[in-house]
Amino acid sequence: MALLKNNSGEYNYHFNWMDCNGHTCGFNDVWAKNKREAVKLAKKMEDPAHWAWYDGKTYITVPAEVTTGGHCFYNKGMYVNPATMRRATRKIADDMNRLGWMMSN
């Protein structure tokens, strides 16, 4: 099967996210001309591990655990796993979109 490519000559790269412990915690995709560019684009989407506090209205990043009021939790972050970066075919892209839809609906 042919690799999925857009009008700009970019390939659809699929990859896994990992948390601060190295465990897979999700997946995503980016459009890029090559793997190096795809990794750079994906790294811009990373969410570093941090403490977050919820006051009932918004989430606030805090430097350490808050134990007074609200709800505080540790976000383990999302980091690109470059070893999983692969160019996708139309079937793979459709399958991943279907999987993402099933997980979120």
C-alpha atoms as a PDB file:
ATOM      1  CA  MET A   1       0.000   0.000   0.000  1.00  0.00           C
ATOM      2  CA  ALA A   2       1.115   3.549  -0.755  1.00  0.00           C
ATOM      3  CA  LEU A   3       2.137   5.896   2.034  1.00  0.00           C
ATOM      4  CA  LEU A   4      -0.286   8.717   2.824  1.00  0.00           C
ATOM      5  CA  LYS A   5       1.024  12.011   1.404  1.00  0.00           C
ATOM      6  CA  ASN A   6      -0.655  15.438   1.175  1.00  0.00           C
ATOM      7  CA  ASN A   7      -0.483  18.105  -1.571  1.00  0.00           C
ATOM      8  CA  SER A   8       2.482  19.768   0.172  1.00  0.00           C
ATOM      9  CA  GLY A   9       4.549  16.584  -0.117  1.00  0.00           C
ATOM     10  CA  GLU A  10       4.264  15.814   3.606  1.00  0.00           C
ATOM     11  CA  TYR A  11       3.799  12.315   4.993  1.00  0.00           C
ATOM     12  CA  ASN A  12       1.425  11.427   7.827  1.00  0.00           C
ATOM     13  CA  TYR A  13       3.640  10.279  10.731  1.00  0.00           C
ATOM     14  CA  HIS A  14       2.069   8.359  13.635  1.00  0.00           C
ATOM     15  CA  PHE A  15       3.725   8.056  17.042  1.00  0.00           C
ATOM     16  CA  ASN A  16       3.106   7.126  20.668  1.00  0.00           C
ATOM     17  CA  TRP A  17       3.247   9.390  23.703  1.00  0.00           C
ATOM     18  CA  MET A  18       5.007   8.201  26.852  1.00  0.00           C
ATOM     19  CA  ASP A  19       4.778   9.566  30.391  1.00  0.00           C
ATOM     20  CA  CYS A  20       7.671  10.545  32.688  1.00  0.00           C
ATOM     21  CA  ASN A  21       8.050   6.863  33.657  1.00  0.00           C
ATOM     22  CA  GLY A  22       8.430   5.722  30.033  1.00  0.00           C
ATOM     23  CA  HIS A  23       4.975   4.092  29.858  1.00  0.00           C
ATOM     24  CA  THR A  24       2.866   4.539  26.714  1.00  0.00           C
ATOM     25  CA  CYS A  25      -0.014   6.903  27.461  1.00  0.00           C
ATOM     26  CA  GLY A  26      -1.489   7.733  24.062  1.00  0.00           C
ATOM     27  CA  PHE A  27      -0.866   8.295  20.366  1.00  0.00           C
ATOM     28  CA  ASN A  28      -1.038  11.085  17.812  1.00  0.00           C
ATOM     29  CA  ASP A  29       0.067  12.050  14.323  1.00  0.00           C
ATOM     30  CA  VAL A  30       1.720  14.961  12.484  1.00  0.00           C
ATOM     31  CA  TRP A  31       2.264  15.884   8.851  1.00  0.00           C
ATOM     32  CA  ALA A  32       5.923  16.422   7.881  1.00  0.00           C
ATOM     33  CA  LYS A  33       8.324  16.011   4.950  1.00  0.00           C
ATOM     34  CA  ASN A  34      10.671  13.734   6.928  1.00  0.00           C
ATOM     35  CA  LYS A  35      11.060  12.017  10.293  1.00  0.00           C
ATOM     36  CA  ARG A  36      13.367  14.699  11.738  1.00  0.00           C
ATOM     37  CA  GLU A  37      10.764  17.402  11.030  1.00  0.00           C
ATOM     38  CA  ALA A  38       7.980  15.147  12.376  1.00  0.00           C
ATOM     39  CA  VAL A  39       9.843  14.669  15.671  1.00  0.00           C
ATOM     40  CA  LYS A  40      10.399  18.456  15.977  1.00  0.00           C
ATOM     41  CA  LEU A  41       6.692  19.156  15.379  1.00  0.00           C
ATOM     42  CA  ALA A  42       5.648  16.489  17.879  1.00  0.00           C
ATOM     43  CA  LYS A  43       8.088  17.801  20.521  1.00  0.00           C
ATOM     44  CA  LYS A  44       6.331  21.195  20.319  1.00  0.00           C
ATOM     45  CA  MET A  45       3.167  19.407  21.510  1.00  0.00           C
ATOM     46  CA  GLU A  46       4.809  17.788  24.534  1.00  0.00           C
ATOM     47  CA  ASP A  47       3.334  18.473  27.964  1.00  0.00           C
ATOM     48  CA  PRO A  48       6.000  18.233  30.688  1.00  0.00           C
ATOM     49  CA  ALA A  49       5.241  16.486  33.972  1.00  0.00           C
ATOM     50  CA  HIS A  50       3.969  18.870  36.662  1.00  0.00           C
ATOM     51  CA  TRP A  51       1.714  19.348  39.666  1.00  0.00           C
ATOM     52  CA  ALA A  52      -1.722  20.803  38.862  1.00  0.00           C
ATOM     53  CA  TRP A  53      -4.322  22.204  41.238  1.00  0.00           C
ATOM     54  CA  TYR A  54      -8.032  22.459  40.423  1.00  0.00           C
ATOM     55  CA  ASP A  55     -10.033  25.089  42.311  1.00  0.00           C
ATOM     56  CA  GLY A  56     -13.422  24.091  40.885  1.00  0.00           C
ATOM     57  CA  LYS A  57     -13.108  26.378  37.860  1.00  0.00           C
ATOM     58  CA  THR A  58      -9.645  26.090  36.332  1.00  0.00           C
ATOM     59  CA  TYR A  59      -6.456  24.018  36.461  1.00  0.00           C
ATOM     60  CA  ILE A  60      -3.363  25.854  37.677  1.00  0.00           C
ATOM     61  CA  THR A  61       0.206  24.552  37.385  1.00  0.00           C
ATOM     62  CA  VAL A  62       1.873  24.668  40.807  1.00  0.00           C
ATOM     63  CA  PRO A  63       5.507  23.961  41.787  1.00  0.00           C
ATOM     64  CA  ALA A  64       4.615  21.379  44.457  1.00  0.00           C
ATOM     65  CA  GLU A  65       1.632  19.465  45.834  1.00  0.00           C
ATOM     66  CA  VAL A  66      -1.074  21.672  47.384  1.00  0.00           C
ATOM     67  CA  THR A  67      -2.900  20.063  50.320  1.00  0.00           C
ATOM     68  CA  THR A  68      -5.233  22.903  51.314  1.00  0.00           C
ATOM     69  CA  GLY A  69      -8.566  23.028  49.461  1.00  0.00           C
ATOM     70  CA  GLY A  70      -9.268  22.126  45.878  1.00  0.00           C
ATOM     71  CA  HIS A  71      -7.899  19.025  44.192  1.00  0.00           C
ATOM     72  CA  CYS A  72      -4.193  18.613  43.459  1.00  0.00           C
ATOM     73  CA  PHE A  73      -2.734  15.905  41.237  1.00  0.00           C
ATOM     74  CA  TYR A  74       0.522  15.013  39.521  1.00  0.00           C
ATOM     75  CA  ASN A  75       0.343  15.089  35.725  1.00  0.00           C
ATOM     76  CA  LYS A  76       2.925  12.573  34.471  1.00  0.00           C
ATOM     77  CA  GLY A  77       3.312  14.512  31.217  1.00  0.00           C
ATOM     78  CA  MET A  78       3.338  13.414  27.608  1.00  0.00           C
ATOM     79  CA  TYR A  79       6.617  13.009  25.764  1.00  0.00           C
ATOM     80  CA  VAL A  80       7.207  11.891  22.175  1.00  0.00           C
ATOM     81  CA  ASN A  81       8.600   8.390  21.769  1.00  0.00           C
ATOM     82  CA  PRO A  82      10.672   8.865  18.568  1.00  0.00           C
ATOM     83  CA  ALA A  83      11.253   5.095  18.240  1.00  0.00           C
ATOM     84  CA  THR A  84       7.543   4.678  17.437  1.00  0.00           C
ATOM     85  CA  MET A  85       7.447   7.362  14.697  1.00  0.00           C
ATOM     86  CA  ARG A  86       6.192   5.719  11.460  1.00  0.00           C
ATOM     87  CA  ARG A  87       4.782   6.932   8.140  1.00  0.00           C
ATOM     88  CA  ALA A  88       1.186   5.809   7.678  1.00  0.00           C
ATOM     89  CA  THR A  89      -0.819   4.379   4.805  1.00  0.00           C
ATOM     90  CA  ARG A  90      -4.448   5.411   4.282  1.00  0.00           C
ATOM     91  CA  LYS A  91      -5.627   2.215   6.035  1.00  0.00           C
ATOM     92  CA  ILE A  92      -3.393   2.760   9.072  1.00  0.00           C
ATOM     93  CA  ALA A  93      -4.507   6.409   9.353  1.00  0.00           C
ATOM     94  CA  ASP A  94      -8.183   5.409   9.102  1.00  0.00           C
ATOM     95  CA  ASP A  95      -7.721   2.638  11.684  1.00  0.00           C
ATOM     96  CA  MET A  96      -6.000   5.016  14.131  1.00  0.00           C
ATOM     97  CA  ASN A  97      -8.723   7.653  13.647  1.00  0.00           C
ATOM     98  CA  ARG A  98     -11.375   5.012  14.334  1.00  0.00           C
ATOM     99  CA  LEU A  99      -9.512   3.833  17.442  1.00  0.00           C
ATOM    100  CA  GLY A 100      -9.173   7.402  18.735  1.00  0.00           C
ATOM    101  CA  TRP A 101     -12.865   8.011  18.146  1.00  0.00           C
ATOM    102  CA  MET A 102     -13.822   4.809  20.012  1.00  0.00           C
ATOM    103  CA  MET A 103     -11.621   5.775  22.974  1.00  0.00           C
ATOM    104  CA  SER A 104     -13.093   9.271  23.261  1.00  0.00           C
ATOM    105  CA  ASN A 105     -16.802   8.677  22.605  1.00  0.00           C
END
